Amino acid sequence: EERPDIDVDGVMAAARFAAAAHGATGALRSYTGVPYIEHPVEVAMLVARAGLGTVAVKAALLHDVIEDTPTTLEEVRAEFGDEVADVVDELTEKARLEDGNRAVRKRMERARLAGVSEVAKSVKYADTLSNTRSIAAHDPKFARVYVPEKRELLRVMLGGNATLFAMAVEGVEAAAKTLPAGG
């Protein structure tokens, strides 16, 4: 009702598709044990509340299906069209273990994400906020690695939705303040 510009039926189809894909793997959200779909739904809600359109909301719901399930990009494209599939593809991590250690892979991803579309950057900001909140709350040791990576990413991934960018920066900085000292 708040967003008459959103294709609710299309968004619900993306939500069902993502829920089925993640549900088929039995994936649960790290630390909390809730069904994984709660994370893409949170990301989609952030994106919708920031005023982004149907393509962004669908992509937010689908942003992890290629990376974390057997779903293919071709299946996403057939179901939701080129525009959504292209954003999902931009959001899918390309660096692989054989590319190097975590630092090398994250550097590769930062460089790649700096050049993605405005919509993909905006969804990634919401994803960063969601993940940072969870990791900071539940895994302070890993947060010491994760939070600096996200700071670096946000320094180069400019040009998306300003509201989501500010929220992501604020979330990363708030998490940084909670980090335990030491290595």
Foldseek 3Di string as FASTA:
>chain_A
DVCPQAPVVLLVVLLVVLQVQQVVVVDADPPPRHRPLVLLQQLLVVCVVLPDYHLLSSLSSCLCSCPPGVDDLVNVCVSRNDSNSLLSVLSHQDDDPVQDDPVSSLVVNLVSLLPDDQSSLLSVLSSLLSVLVVCLVGPLVVLVVVLVSLVSSLVRNDDHRPVSSVSSVVSSVVSVVSHDDDD
